[in-house]
Amino acid sequence: MRITVDQQNDSKVAIVSGDGILIGSVDDALDLMATVRYDGCDKMLLRKENIADDFFELKTKLAGEILQKYTNYRMNVAIVGEFAGYNSKSLNDFIYECNKGGRFLFKQTEAEALEGLHRSVT
């Protein structure tokens, strides 16, 4: 796993990358959040391919549990990837609603994700 920090003014975003699945459970998500916090960030950018497929199957409740933990600990997150391939109306609605808020974003490019995260308030 690699973490780089993108800073604009007082806003610091941890850009997390690596090979394989980095978040496969709630515990993985909490461990990653602790690592990012250690680097002084309260915002992080993740790539879709580093998150278990169960996250995108809303019936598993993994996404809801992780996002609830991140909300409780005031961690803003953007997930970068292509989401149009999912044929789930509930997932598409979930992504749409998240993108309206600002704490959790689903974006196609890293640039879009960084822009959204730097604008968001923790």
PDB file of N, CA and C in Angstrom:
ATOM      1  N   MET A   1       0.851  -1.173   0.000  1.00  0.00           N
ATOM      2  CA  MET A   1       0.000   0.000   0.000  1.00  0.00           C
ATOM      3  C   MET A   1       0.898   1.238   0.000  1.00  0.00           C
ATOM      4  N   ARG A   2       0.470   2.229  -0.782  1.00  0.00           N
ATOM      5  CA  ARG A   2       1.179   3.499  -0.855  1.00  0.00           C
ATOM      6  C   ARG A   2       0.199   4.625  -0.521  1.00  0.00           C
ATOM      7  N   ILE A   3       0.703   5.592   0.227  1.00  0.00           N
ATOM      8  CA  ILE A   3      -0.103   6.763   0.560  1.00  0.00           C
ATOM      9  C   ILE A   3       0.709   8.000   0.209  1.00  0.00           C
ATOM     10  N   THR A   4       0.124   8.835  -0.637  1.00  0.00           N
ATOM     11  CA  THR A   4       0.713  10.134  -0.924  1.00  0.00           C
ATOM     12  C   THR A   4      -0.294  11.185  -0.468  1.00  0.00           C
ATOM     13  N   VAL A   5       0.201  12.364  -0.139  1.00  0.00           N
ATOM     14  CA  VAL A   5      -0.679  13.416   0.364  1.00  0.00           C
ATOM     15  C   VAL A   5      -0.728  14.557  -0.633  1.00  0.00           C
ATOM     16  N   ASP A   6      -1.948  14.935  -1.001  1.00  0.00           N
ATOM     17  CA  ASP A   6      -2.185  16.084  -1.867  1.00  0.00           C
ATOM     18  C   ASP A   6      -2.703  17.198  -0.963  1.00  0.00           C
ATOM     19  N   GLN A   7      -1.958  18.307  -0.916  1.00  0.00           N
ATOM     20  CA  GLN A   7      -2.360  19.407  -0.036  1.00  0.00           C
ATOM     21  C   GLN A   7      -2.646  20.654  -0.844  1.00  0.00           C
ATOM     22  N   GLN A   8      -3.789  21.262  -0.546  1.00  0.00           N
ATOM     23  CA  GLN A   8      -4.179  22.557  -1.102  1.00  0.00           C
ATOM     24  C   GLN A   8      -4.627  23.414   0.065  1.00  0.00           C
ATOM     25  N   ASN A   9      -3.846  24.458   0.354  1.00  0.00           N
ATOM     26  CA  ASN A   9      -4.090  25.309   1.515  1.00  0.00           C
ATOM     27  C   ASN A   9      -4.111  24.441   2.773  1.00  0.00           C
ATOM     28  N   ASP A  10      -5.184  24.474   3.543  1.00  0.00           N
ATOM     29  CA  ASP A  10      -5.258  23.685   4.783  1.00  0.00           C
ATOM     30  C   ASP A  10      -5.862  22.299   4.569  1.00  0.00           C
ATOM     31  N   SER A  11      -6.230  21.969   3.356  1.00  0.00           N
ATOM     32  CA  SER A  11      -6.883  20.699   3.051  1.00  0.00           C
ATOM     33  C   SER A  11      -5.848  19.657   2.611  1.00  0.00           C
ATOM     34  N   LYS A  12      -5.820  18.535   3.337  1.00  0.00           N
ATOM     35  CA  LYS A  12      -4.898  17.447   3.019  1.00  0.00           C
ATOM     36  C   LYS A  12      -5.687  16.187   2.678  1.00  0.00           C
ATOM     37  N   VAL A  13      -5.419  15.628   1.504  1.00  0.00           N
ATOM     38  CA  VAL A  13      -6.080  14.407   1.062  1.00  0.00           C
ATOM     39  C   VAL A  13      -5.046  13.301   0.935  1.00  0.00           C
ATOM     40  N   ALA A  14      -5.290  12.182   1.586  1.00  0.00           N
ATOM     41  CA  ALA A  14      -4.438  11.006   1.442  1.00  0.00           C
ATOM     42  C   ALA A  14      -4.891  10.235   0.209  1.00  0.00           C
ATOM     43  N   ILE A  15      -3.989  10.053  -0.733  1.00  0.00           N
ATOM     44  CA  ILE A  15      -4.279   9.263  -1.936  1.00  0.00           C
ATOM     45  C   ILE A  15      -3.719   7.872  -1.688  1.00  0.00           C
ATOM     46  N   VAL A  16      -4.624   6.913  -1.567  1.00  0.00           N
ATOM     47  CA  VAL A  16      -4.248   5.550  -1.209  1.00  0.00           C
ATOM     48  C   VAL A  16      -4.258   4.688  -2.465  1.00  0.00           C
ATOM     49  N   SER A  17      -3.177   3.966  -2.671  1.00  0.00           N
ATOM     50  CA  SER A  17      -3.120   3.054  -3.817  1.00  0.00           C
ATOM     51  C   SER A  17      -2.377   1.790  -3.401  1.00  0.00           C
ATOM     52  N   GLY A  18      -2.530   0.772  -4.195  1.00  0.00           N
ATOM     53  CA  GLY A  18      -1.856  -0.485  -3.911  1.00  0.00           C
ATOM     54  C   GLY A  18      -2.369  -1.576  -4.817  1.00  0.00           C
ATOM     55  N   ASP A  19      -1.786  -2.725  -4.668  1.00  0.00           N
ATOM     56  CA  ASP A  19      -2.197  -3.880  -5.452  1.00  0.00           C
ATOM     57  C   ASP A  19      -3.204  -4.690  -4.657  1.00  0.00           C
ATOM     58  N   GLY A  20      -4.252  -5.102  -5.313  1.00  0.00           N
ATOM     59  CA  GLY A  20      -5.235  -5.953  -4.661  1.00  0.00           C
ATOM     60  C   GLY A  20      -6.206  -5.198  -3.783  1.00  0.00           C
ATOM     61  N   ILE A  21      -6.920  -5.954  -2.976  1.00  0.00           N
ATOM     62  CA  ILE A  21      -7.966  -5.417  -2.114  1.00  0.00           C
ATOM     63  C   ILE A  21      -7.343  -4.837  -0.839  1.00  0.00           C
ATOM     64  N   LEU A  22      -7.614  -3.572  -0.587  1.00  0.00           N
ATOM     65  CA  LEU A  22      -7.160  -2.915   0.634  1.00  0.00           C
ATOM     66  C   LEU A  22      -8.274  -2.836   1.669  1.00  0.00           C
ATOM     67  N   ILE A  23      -9.520  -2.771   1.189  1.00  0.00           N
ATOM     68  CA  ILE A  23     -10.665  -2.762   2.093  1.00  0.00           C
ATOM     69  C   ILE A  23     -11.586  -3.918   1.720  1.00  0.00           C
ATOM     70  N   GLY A  24     -11.616  -4.906   2.608  1.00  0.00           N
ATOM     71  CA  GLY A  24     -12.493  -6.046   2.411  1.00  0.00           C
ATOM     72  C   GLY A  24     -13.456  -6.232   3.572  1.00  0.00           C
ATOM     73  N   SER A  25     -13.255  -5.425   4.622  1.00  0.00           N
ATOM     74  CA  SER A  25     -14.085  -5.536   5.823  1.00  0.00           C
ATOM     75  C   SER A  25     -14.115  -4.187   6.533  1.00  0.00           C
ATOM     76  N   VAL A  26     -14.978  -4.086   7.520  1.00  0.00           N
ATOM     77  CA  VAL A  26     -15.060  -2.867   8.322  1.00  0.00           C
ATOM     78  C   VAL A  26     -13.735  -2.651   9.061  1.00  0.00           C
ATOM     79  N   ASP A  27     -13.148  -3.729   9.564  1.00  0.00           N
ATOM     80  CA  ASP A  27     -11.864  -3.601  10.267  1.00  0.00           C
ATOM     81  C   ASP A  27     -10.774  -3.076   9.348  1.00  0.00           C
ATOM     82  N   ASP A  28     -10.746  -3.540   8.094  1.00  0.00           N
ATOM     83  CA  ASP A  28      -9.774  -3.015   7.119  1.00  0.00           C
ATOM     84  C   ASP A  28      -9.966  -1.516   6.935  1.00  0.00           C
ATOM     85  N   ALA A  29     -11.223  -1.099   6.840  1.00  0.00           N
ATOM     86  CA  ALA A  29     -11.531   0.318   6.632  1.00  0.00           C
ATOM     87  C   ALA A  29     -11.092   1.149   7.835  1.00  0.00           C
ATOM     88  N   LEU A  30     -11.302   0.640   9.036  1.00  0.00           N
ATOM     89  CA  LEU A  30     -10.890   1.358  10.242  1.00  0.00           C
ATOM     90  C   LEU A  30      -9.371   1.428  10.352  1.00  0.00           C
ATOM     91  N   ASP A  31      -8.694   0.335  10.008  1.00  0.00           N
ATOM     92  CA  ASP A  31      -7.227   0.336  10.028  1.00  0.00           C
ATOM     93  C   ASP A  31      -6.671   1.352   9.037  1.00  0.00           C
ATOM     94  N   LEU A  32      -7.262   1.394   7.845  1.00  0.00           N
ATOM     95  CA  LEU A  32      -6.813   2.346   6.832  1.00  0.00           C
ATOM     96  C   LEU A  32      -7.057   3.774   7.301  1.00  0.00           C
ATOM     97  N   MET A  33      -8.197   4.019   7.903  1.00  0.00           N
ATOM     98  CA  MET A  33      -8.495   5.353   8.408  1.00  0.00           C
ATOM     99  C   MET A  33      -7.469   5.766   9.467  1.00  0.00           C
ATOM    100  N   ALA A  34      -7.106   4.860  10.353  1.00  0.00           N
ATOM    101  CA  ALA A  34      -6.116   5.171  11.387  1.00  0.00           C
ATOM    102  C   ALA A  34      -4.768   5.508  10.760  1.00  0.00           C
ATOM    103  N   THR A  35      -4.395   4.788   9.728  1.00  0.00           N
ATOM    104  CA  THR A  35      -3.134   5.058   9.033  1.00  0.00           C
ATOM    105  C   THR A  35      -3.160   6.430   8.386  1.00  0.00           C
ATOM    106  N   VAL A  36      -4.258   6.758   7.742  1.00  0.00           N
ATOM    107  CA  VAL A  36      -4.404   8.049   7.074  1.00  0.00           C
ATOM    108  C   VAL A  36      -4.401   9.182   8.103  1.00  0.00           C
ATOM    109  N   ARG A  37      -5.064   8.982   9.219  1.00  0.00           N
ATOM    110  CA  ARG A  37      -5.083   9.997  10.287  1.00  0.00           C
ATOM    111  C   ARG A  37      -3.672  10.230  10.830  1.00  0.00           C
ATOM    112  N   TYR A  38      -2.894   9.167  10.917  1.00  0.00           N
ATOM    113  CA  TYR A  38      -1.514   9.287  11.401  1.00  0.00           C
ATOM    114  C   TYR A  38      -0.718  10.228  10.494  1.00  0.00           C
ATOM    115  N   ASP A  39      -1.058  10.228   9.203  1.00  0.00           N
ATOM    116  CA  ASP A  39      -0.413  11.128   8.241  1.00  0.00           C
ATOM    117  C   ASP A  39      -1.025  12.526   8.269  1.00  0.00           C
ATOM    118  N   GLY A  40      -1.958  12.776   9.184  1.00  0.00           N
ATOM    119  CA  GLY A  40      -2.542  14.098   9.358  1.00  0.00           C
ATOM    120  C   GLY A  40      -3.667  14.435   8.399  1.00  0.00           C
ATOM    121  N   CYS A  41      -4.306  13.424   7.827  1.00  0.00           N
ATOM    122  CA  CYS A  41      -5.375  13.654   6.847  1.00  0.00           C
ATOM    123  C   CYS A  41      -6.722  13.219   7.402  1.00  0.00           C
ATOM    124  N   ASP A  42      -7.757  13.993   7.054  1.00  0.00           N
ATOM    125  CA  ASP A  42      -9.119  13.599   7.387  1.00  0.00           C
ATOM    126  C   ASP A  42      -9.955  13.425   6.123  1.00  0.00           C
ATOM    127  N   LYS A  43      -9.247  13.301   4.998  1.00  0.00           N
ATOM    128  CA  LYS A  43      -9.878  13.041   3.695  1.00  0.00           C
ATOM    129  C   LYS A  43      -9.004  12.027   2.971  1.00  0.00           C
ATOM    130  N   MET A  44      -9.660  11.091   2.269  1.00  0.00           N
ATOM    131  CA  MET A  44      -8.872  10.121   1.502  1.00  0.00           C
ATOM    132  C   MET A  44      -9.529   9.763   0.183  1.00  0.00           C
ATOM    133  N   LEU A  45      -8.671   9.433  -0.752  1.00  0.00           N
ATOM    134  CA  LEU A  45      -9.077   9.024  -2.084  1.00  0.00           C
ATOM    135  C   LEU A  45      -8.680   7.566  -2.249  1.00  0.00           C
ATOM    136  N   LEU A  46      -9.642   6.750  -2.643  1.00  0.00           N
ATOM    137  CA  LEU A  46      -9.419   5.316  -2.871  1.00  0.00           C
ATOM    138  C   LEU A  46      -9.802   4.969  -4.300  1.00  0.00           C
ATOM    139  N   ARG A  47      -9.230   3.908  -4.805  1.00  0.00           N
ATOM    140  CA  ARG A  47      -9.601   3.412  -6.131  1.00  0.00           C
ATOM    141  C   ARG A  47     -10.547   2.226  -5.976  1.00  0.00           C
ATOM    142  N   LYS A  48     -11.517   2.177  -6.862  1.00  0.00           N
ATOM    143  CA  LYS A  48     -12.552   1.137  -6.804  1.00  0.00           C
ATOM    144  C   LYS A  48     -11.950  -0.262  -6.766  1.00  0.00           C
ATOM    145  N   GLU A  49     -10.877  -0.473  -7.508  1.00  0.00           N
ATOM    146  CA  GLU A  49     -10.295  -1.818  -7.587  1.00  0.00           C
ATOM    147  C   GLU A  49      -9.620  -2.248  -6.281  1.00  0.00           C
ATOM    148  N   ASN A  50      -9.434  -1.323  -5.346  1.00  0.00           N
ATOM    149  CA  ASN A  50      -8.845  -1.661  -4.051  1.00  0.00           C
ATOM    150  C   ASN A  50      -9.891  -1.947  -2.979  1.00  0.00           C
ATOM    151  N   ILE A  51     -11.150  -1.979  -3.401  1.00  0.00           N
ATOM    152  CA  ILE A  51     -12.256  -2.229  -2.475  1.00  0.00           C
ATOM    153  C   ILE A  51     -12.971  -3.509  -2.911  1.00  0.00           C
ATOM    154  N   ALA A  52     -13.269  -4.360  -1.948  1.00  0.00           N
ATOM    155  CA  ALA A  52     -13.935  -5.639  -2.231  1.00  0.00           C
ATOM    156  C   ALA A  52     -15.257  -5.416  -2.959  1.00  0.00           C
ATOM    157  N   ASP A  53     -15.581  -6.339  -3.856  1.00  0.00           N
ATOM    158  CA  ASP A  53     -16.832  -6.248  -4.611  1.00  0.00           C
ATOM    159  C   ASP A  53     -18.059  -6.218  -3.701  1.00  0.00           C
ATOM    160  N   ASP A  54     -17.957  -6.838  -2.519  1.00  0.00           N
ATOM    161  CA  ASP A  54     -19.087  -6.842  -1.576  1.00  0.00           C
ATOM    162  C   ASP A  54     -19.514  -5.426  -1.194  1.00  0.00           C
ATOM    163  N   PHE A  55     -18.594  -4.488  -1.215  1.00  0.00           N
ATOM    164  CA  PHE A  55     -18.909  -3.095  -0.900  1.00  0.00           C
ATOM    165  C   PHE A  55     -19.980  -2.570  -1.855  1.00  0.00           C
ATOM    166  N   PHE A  56     -19.901  -2.974  -3.115  1.00  0.00           N
ATOM    167  CA  PHE A  56     -20.800  -2.477  -4.151  1.00  0.00           C
ATOM    168  C   PHE A  56     -22.078  -3.308  -4.280  1.00  0.00           C
ATOM    169  N   GLU A  57     -22.206  -4.341  -3.470  1.00  0.00           N
ATOM    170  CA  GLU A  57     -23.439  -5.124  -3.344  1.00  0.00           C
ATOM    171  C   GLU A  57     -24.115  -4.639  -2.069  1.00  0.00           C
ATOM    172  N   LEU A  58     -25.036  -3.703  -2.177  1.00  0.00           N
ATOM    173  CA  LEU A  58     -25.587  -3.053  -0.991  1.00  0.00           C
ATOM    174  C   LEU A  58     -26.269  -4.021  -0.036  1.00  0.00           C
ATOM    175  N   LYS A  59     -26.742  -5.147  -0.531  1.00  0.00           N
ATOM    176  CA  LYS A  59     -27.411  -6.108   0.352  1.00  0.00           C
ATOM    177  C   LYS A  59     -26.446  -6.712   1.383  1.00  0.00           C
ATOM    178  N   THR A  60     -25.130  -6.636   1.135  1.00  0.00           N
ATOM    179  CA  THR A  60     -24.167  -7.135   2.120  1.00  0.00           C
ATOM    180  C   THR A  60     -24.013  -6.183   3.296  1.00  0.00           C
ATOM    181  N   LYS A  61     -24.448  -4.938   3.125  1.00  0.00           N
ATOM    182  CA  LYS A  61     -24.395  -3.876   4.144  1.00  0.00           C
ATOM    183  C   LYS A  61     -22.982  -3.403   4.460  1.00  0.00           C
ATOM    184  N   LEU A  62     -21.984  -3.890   3.712  1.00  0.00           N
ATOM    185  CA  LEU A  62     -20.606  -3.481   3.963  1.00  0.00           C
ATOM    186  C   LEU A  62     -20.417  -1.995   3.718  1.00  0.00           C
ATOM    187  N   ALA A  63     -20.962  -1.478   2.626  1.00  0.00           N
ATOM    188  CA  ALA A  63     -20.817  -0.047   2.317  1.00  0.00           C
ATOM    189  C   ALA A  63     -21.441   0.795   3.428  1.00  0.00           C
ATOM    190  N   GLY A  64     -22.629   0.438   3.843  1.00  0.00           N
ATOM    191  CA  GLY A  64     -23.305   1.192   4.883  1.00  0.00           C
ATOM    192  C   GLY A  64     -22.544   1.187   6.204  1.00  0.00           C
ATOM    193  N   GLU A  65     -22.010   0.034   6.571  1.00  0.00           N
ATOM    194  CA  GLU A  65     -21.262  -0.058   7.820  1.00  0.00           C
ATOM    195  C   GLU A  65     -19.974   0.769   7.758  1.00  0.00           C
ATOM    196  N   ILE A  66     -19.265   0.691   6.650  1.00  0.00           N
ATOM    197  CA  ILE A  66     -18.016   1.440   6.512  1.00  0.00           C
ATOM    198  C   ILE A  66     -18.295   2.933   6.479  1.00  0.00           C
ATOM    199  N   LEU A  67     -19.259   3.344   5.686  1.00  0.00           N
ATOM    200  CA  LEU A  67     -19.552   4.768   5.590  1.00  0.00           C
ATOM    201  C   LEU A  67     -20.084   5.323   6.909  1.00  0.00           C
ATOM    202  N   GLN A  68     -20.783   4.514   7.681  1.00  0.00           N
ATOM    203  CA  GLN A  68     -21.234   4.961   9.002  1.00  0.00           C
ATOM    204  C   GLN A  68     -20.041   5.189   9.925  1.00  0.00           C
ATOM    205  N   LYS A  69     -19.079   4.278   9.904  1.00  0.00           N
ATOM    206  CA  LYS A  69     -17.871   4.454  10.723  1.00  0.00           C
ATOM    207  C   LYS A  69     -17.130   5.714  10.300  1.00  0.00           C
ATOM    208  N   TYR A  70     -16.977   5.917   9.005  1.00  0.00           N
ATOM    209  CA  TYR A  70     -16.259   7.093   8.520  1.00  0.00           C
ATOM    210  C   TYR A  70     -17.014   8.385   8.879  1.00  0.00           C
ATOM    211  N   THR A  71     -18.325   8.327   8.873  1.00  0.00           N
ATOM    212  CA  THR A  71     -19.117   9.483   9.286  1.00  0.00           C
ATOM    213  C   THR A  71     -18.876   9.770  10.769  1.00  0.00           C
ATOM    214  N   ASN A  72     -18.918   8.734  11.590  1.00  0.00           N
ATOM    215  CA  ASN A  72     -18.709   8.905  13.027  1.00  0.00           C
ATOM    216  C   ASN A  72     -17.351   9.529  13.331  1.00  0.00           C
ATOM    217  N   TYR A  73     -16.346   9.166  12.550  1.00  0.00           N
ATOM    218  CA  TYR A  73     -14.989   9.665  12.773  1.00  0.00           C
ATOM    219  C   TYR A  73     -14.628  10.842  11.869  1.00  0.00           C
ATOM    220  N   ARG A  74     -15.621  11.381  11.168  1.00  0.00           N
ATOM    221  CA  ARG A  74     -15.456  12.569  10.327  1.00  0.00           C
ATOM    222  C   ARG A  74     -14.354  12.409   9.273  1.00  0.00           C
ATOM    223  N   MET A  75     -14.398  11.311   8.559  1.00  0.00           N
ATOM    224  CA  MET A  75     -13.471  11.037   7.471  1.00  0.00           C
ATOM    225  C   MET A  75     -14.218  11.184   6.156  1.00  0.00           C
ATOM    226  N   ASN A  76     -13.759  12.076   5.300  1.00  0.00           N
ATOM    227  CA  ASN A  76     -14.347  12.241   3.969  1.00  0.00           C
ATOM    228  C   ASN A  76     -13.622  11.312   2.999  1.00  0.00           C
ATOM    229  N   VAL A  77     -14.379  10.701   2.098  1.00  0.00           N
ATOM    230  CA  VAL A  77     -13.813   9.693   1.201  1.00  0.00           C
ATOM    231  C   VAL A  77     -14.329   9.886  -0.211  1.00  0.00           C
ATOM    232  N   ALA A  78     -13.421   9.734  -1.169  1.00  0.00           N
ATOM    233  CA  ALA A  78     -13.814   9.679  -2.577  1.00  0.00           C
ATOM    234  C   ALA A  78     -13.316   8.355  -3.136  1.00  0.00           C
ATOM    235  N   ILE A  79     -14.184   7.696  -3.870  1.00  0.00           N
ATOM    236  CA  ILE A  79     -13.826   6.443  -4.542  1.00  0.00           C
ATOM    237  C   ILE A  79     -13.802   6.739  -6.031  1.00  0.00           C
ATOM    238  N   VAL A  80     -12.672   6.411  -6.653  1.00  0.00           N
ATOM    239  CA  VAL A  80     -12.468   6.700  -8.072  1.00  0.00           C
ATOM    240  C   VAL A  80     -12.599   5.417  -8.880  1.00  0.00           C
ATOM    241  N   GLY A  81     -13.383   5.493  -9.940  1.00  0.00           N
ATOM    242  CA  GLY A  81     -13.526   4.333 -10.809  1.00  0.00           C
ATOM    243  C   GLY A  81     -14.691   4.507 -11.759  1.00  0.00           C
ATOM    244  N   GLU A  82     -14.944   3.478 -12.497  1.00  0.00           N
ATOM    245  CA  GLU A  82     -16.056   3.450 -13.442  1.00  0.00           C
ATOM    246  C   GLU A  82     -17.199   2.682 -12.777  1.00  0.00           C
ATOM    247  N   PHE A  83     -18.318   3.359 -12.591  1.00  0.00           N
ATOM    248  CA  PHE A  83     -19.449   2.757 -11.881  1.00  0.00           C
ATOM    249  C   PHE A  83     -20.637   2.492 -12.793  1.00  0.00           C
ATOM    250  N   ALA A  84     -20.551   2.898 -14.046  1.00  0.00           N
ATOM    251  CA  ALA A  84     -21.673   2.747 -14.975  1.00  0.00           C
ATOM    252  C   ALA A  84     -21.985   1.278 -15.271  1.00  0.00           C
ATOM    253  N   GLY A  85     -21.049   0.393 -15.055  1.00  0.00           N
ATOM    254  CA  GLY A  85     -21.243  -1.016 -15.357  1.00  0.00           C
ATOM    255  C   GLY A  85     -22.132  -1.751 -14.377  1.00  0.00           C
ATOM    256  N   TYR A  86     -22.457  -1.122 -13.263  1.00  0.00           N
ATOM    257  CA  TYR A  86     -23.325  -1.765 -12.287  1.00  0.00           C
ATOM    258  C   TYR A  86     -24.772  -1.592 -12.717  1.00  0.00           C
ATOM    259  N   ASN A  87     -25.487  -2.697 -12.743  1.00  0.00           N
ATOM    260  CA  ASN A  87     -26.887  -2.675 -13.169  1.00  0.00           C
ATOM    261  C   ASN A  87     -27.836  -2.678 -11.977  1.00  0.00           C
ATOM    262  N   SER A  88     -27.390  -2.101 -10.887  1.00  0.00           N
ATOM    263  CA  SER A  88     -28.193  -2.071  -9.670  1.00  0.00           C
ATOM    264  C   SER A  88     -28.768  -0.672  -9.477  1.00  0.00           C
ATOM    265  N   LYS A  89     -30.092  -0.575  -9.528  1.00  0.00           N
ATOM    266  CA  LYS A  89     -30.726   0.713  -9.312  1.00  0.00           C
ATOM    267  C   LYS A  89     -30.429   1.238  -7.914  1.00  0.00           C
ATOM    268  N   SER A  90     -30.433   0.361  -6.929  1.00  0.00           N
ATOM    269  CA  SER A  90     -30.167   0.807  -5.562  1.00  0.00           C
ATOM    270  C   SER A  90     -28.744   1.339  -5.420  1.00  0.00           C
ATOM    271  N   LEU A  91     -27.773   0.697  -6.057  1.00  0.00           N
ATOM    272  CA  LEU A  91     -26.398   1.198  -6.000  1.00  0.00           C
ATOM    273  C   LEU A  91     -26.278   2.525  -6.739  1.00  0.00           C
ATOM    274  N   ASN A  92     -26.895   2.612  -7.898  1.00  0.00           N
ATOM    275  CA  ASN A  92     -26.853   3.868  -8.650  1.00  0.00           C
ATOM    276  C   ASN A  92     -27.508   5.008  -7.864  1.00  0.00           C
ATOM    277  N   ASP A  93     -28.612   4.719  -7.182  1.00  0.00           N
ATOM    278  CA  ASP A  93     -29.264   5.721  -6.341  1.00  0.00           C
ATOM    279  C   ASP A  93     -28.366   6.109  -5.168  1.00  0.00           C
ATOM    280  N   PHE A  94     -27.715   5.125  -4.575  1.00  0.00           N
ATOM    281  CA  PHE A  94     -26.802   5.352  -3.464  1.00  0.00           C
ATOM    282  C   PHE A  94     -25.652   6.274  -3.898  1.00  0.00           C
ATOM    283  N   ILE A  95     -25.057   5.990  -5.039  1.00  0.00           N
ATOM    284  CA  ILE A  95     -23.965   6.810  -5.568  1.00  0.00           C
ATOM    285  C   ILE A  95     -24.455   8.226  -5.834  1.00  0.00           C
ATOM    286  N   TYR A  96     -25.621   8.346  -6.424  1.00  0.00           N
ATOM    287  CA  TYR A  96     -26.189   9.663  -6.723  1.00  0.00           C
ATOM    288  C   TYR A  96     -26.369  10.475  -5.444  1.00  0.00           C
ATOM    289  N   GLU A  97     -26.951   9.862  -4.421  1.00  0.00           N
ATOM    290  CA  GLU A  97     -27.191  10.559  -3.158  1.00  0.00           C
ATOM    291  C   GLU A  97     -25.881  10.931  -2.466  1.00  0.00           C
ATOM    292  N   CYS A  98     -24.912  10.033  -2.486  1.00  0.00           N
ATOM    293  CA  CYS A  98     -23.608  10.340  -1.881  1.00  0.00           C
ATOM    294  C   CYS A  98     -22.969  11.536  -2.563  1.00  0.00           C
ATOM    295  N   ASN A  99     -23.020  11.582  -3.876  1.00  0.00           N
ATOM    296  CA  ASN A  99     -22.395  12.678  -4.625  1.00  0.00           C
ATOM    297  C   ASN A  99     -23.081  14.015  -4.370  1.00  0.00           C
ATOM    298  N   LYS A 100     -24.326  14.005  -3.938  1.00  0.00           N
ATOM    299  CA  LYS A 100     -25.023  15.248  -3.608  1.00  0.00           C
ATOM    300  C   LYS A 100     -24.542  15.814  -2.275  1.00  0.00           C
ATOM    301  N   GLY A 101     -24.072  14.938  -1.389  1.00  0.00           N
ATOM    302  CA  GLY A 101     -23.685  15.367  -0.054  1.00  0.00           C
ATOM    303  C   GLY A 101     -22.317  16.006   0.013  1.00  0.00           C
ATOM    304  N   GLY A 102     -21.291  15.246  -0.181  1.00  0.00           N
ATOM    305  CA  GLY A 102     -19.948  15.787  -0.122  1.00  0.00           C
ATOM    306  C   GLY A 102     -19.009  15.017   0.792  1.00  0.00           C
ATOM    307  N   ARG A 103     -19.557  14.263   1.748  1.00  0.00           N
ATOM    308  CA  ARG A 103     -18.690  13.484   2.635  1.00  0.00           C
ATOM    309  C   ARG A 103     -18.171  12.231   1.924  1.00  0.00           C
ATOM    310  N   PHE A 104     -19.006  11.643   1.070  1.00  0.00           N
ATOM    311  CA  PHE A 104     -18.623  10.459   0.301  1.00  0.00           C
ATOM    312  C   PHE A 104     -18.892  10.734  -1.160  1.00  0.00           C
ATOM    313  N   LEU A 105     -17.866  10.546  -1.965  1.00  0.00           N
ATOM    314  CA  LEU A 105     -17.978  10.844  -3.383  1.00  0.00           C
ATOM    315  C   LEU A 105     -17.587   9.630  -4.210  1.00  0.00           C
ATOM    316  N   PHE A 106     -18.248   9.473  -5.322  1.00  0.00           N
ATOM    317  CA  PHE A 106     -17.916   8.450  -6.308  1.00  0.00           C
ATOM    318  C   PHE A 106     -17.634   9.200  -7.599  1.00  0.00           C
ATOM    319  N   LYS A 107     -16.375   9.220  -8.026  1.00  0.00           N
ATOM    320  CA  LYS A 107     -15.969  10.002  -9.190  1.00  0.00           C
ATOM    321  C   LYS A 107     -15.228   9.120 -10.188  1.00  0.00           C
ATOM    322  N   GLN A 108     -15.244   9.557 -11.440  1.00  0.00           N
ATOM    323  CA  GLN A 108     -14.581   8.782 -12.492  1.00  0.00           C
ATOM    324  C   GLN A 108     -13.083   9.062 -12.564  1.00  0.00           C
ATOM    325  N   THR A 109     -12.653  10.256 -12.170  1.00  0.00           N
ATOM    326  CA  THR A 109     -11.227  10.587 -12.280  1.00  0.00           C
ATOM    327  C   THR A 109     -10.675  11.056 -10.932  1.00  0.00           C
ATOM    328  N   GLU A 110      -9.378  10.919 -10.794  1.00  0.00           N
ATOM    329  CA  GLU A 110      -8.709  11.390  -9.590  1.00  0.00           C
ATOM    330  C   GLU A 110      -8.839  12.903  -9.458  1.00  0.00           C
ATOM    331  N   ALA A 111      -8.742  13.615 -10.565  1.00  0.00           N
ATOM    332  CA  ALA A 111      -8.853  15.081 -10.528  1.00  0.00           C
ATOM    333  C   ALA A 111     -10.219  15.517  -9.989  1.00  0.00           C
ATOM    334  N   GLU A 112     -11.301  14.869 -10.463  1.00  0.00           N
ATOM    335  CA  GLU A 112     -12.645  15.188  -9.967  1.00  0.00           C
ATOM    336  C   GLU A 112     -12.757  14.886  -8.471  1.00  0.00           C
ATOM    337  N   ALA A 113     -12.180  13.758  -8.065  1.00  0.00           N
ATOM    338  CA  ALA A 113     -12.252  13.359  -6.663  1.00  0.00           C
ATOM    339  C   ALA A 113     -11.489  14.340  -5.774  1.00  0.00           C
ATOM    340  N   LEU A 114     -10.292  14.727  -6.200  1.00  0.00           N
ATOM    341  CA  LEU A 114      -9.509  15.678  -5.406  1.00  0.00           C
ATOM    342  C   LEU A 114     -10.212  17.023  -5.304  1.00  0.00           C
ATOM    343  N   GLU A 115     -10.787  17.477  -6.403  1.00  0.00           N
ATOM    344  CA  GLU A 115     -11.520  18.747  -6.389  1.00  0.00           C
ATOM    345  C   GLU A 115     -12.667  18.689  -5.372  1.00  0.00           C
ATOM    346  N   GLY A 116     -13.432  17.628  -5.417  1.00  0.00           N
ATOM    347  CA  GLY A 116     -14.553  17.464  -4.488  1.00  0.00           C
ATOM    348  C   GLY A 116     -14.107  17.357  -3.040  1.00  0.00           C
ATOM    349  N   LEU A 117     -13.048  16.615  -2.799  1.00  0.00           N
ATOM    350  CA  LEU A 117     -12.566  16.452  -1.420  1.00  0.00           C
ATOM    351  C   LEU A 117     -11.991  17.743  -0.863  1.00  0.00           C
ATOM    352  N   HIS A 118     -11.240  18.460  -1.668  1.00  0.00           N
ATOM    353  CA  HIS A 118     -10.660  19.707  -1.180  1.00  0.00           C
ATOM    354  C   HIS A 118     -11.751  20.746  -0.890  1.00  0.00           C
ATOM    355  N   ARG A 119     -12.869  20.672  -1.591  1.00  0.00           N
ATOM    356  CA  ARG A 119     -13.977  21.593  -1.334  1.00  0.00           C
ATOM    357  C   ARG A 119     -14.800  21.188  -0.117  1.00  0.00           C
ATOM    358  N   SER A 120     -14.766  19.903   0.229  1.00  0.00           N
ATOM    359  CA  SER A 120     -15.626  19.410   1.308  1.00  0.00           C
ATOM    360  C   SER A 120     -15.120  19.886   2.677  1.00  0.00           C
ATOM    361  N   VAL A 121     -16.059  20.009   3.573  1.00  0.00           N
ATOM    362  CA  VAL A 121     -15.779  20.405   4.942  1.00  0.00           C
ATOM    363  C   VAL A 121     -15.855  19.162   5.804  1.00  0.00           C
ATOM    364  N   THR A 122     -14.895  19.008   6.702  1.00  0.00           N
ATOM    365  CA  THR A 122     -14.903  17.824   7.566  1.00  0.00           C
ATOM    366  C   THR A 122     -15.740  18.023   8.798  1.00  0.00           C
TER     367      THR A 122
END
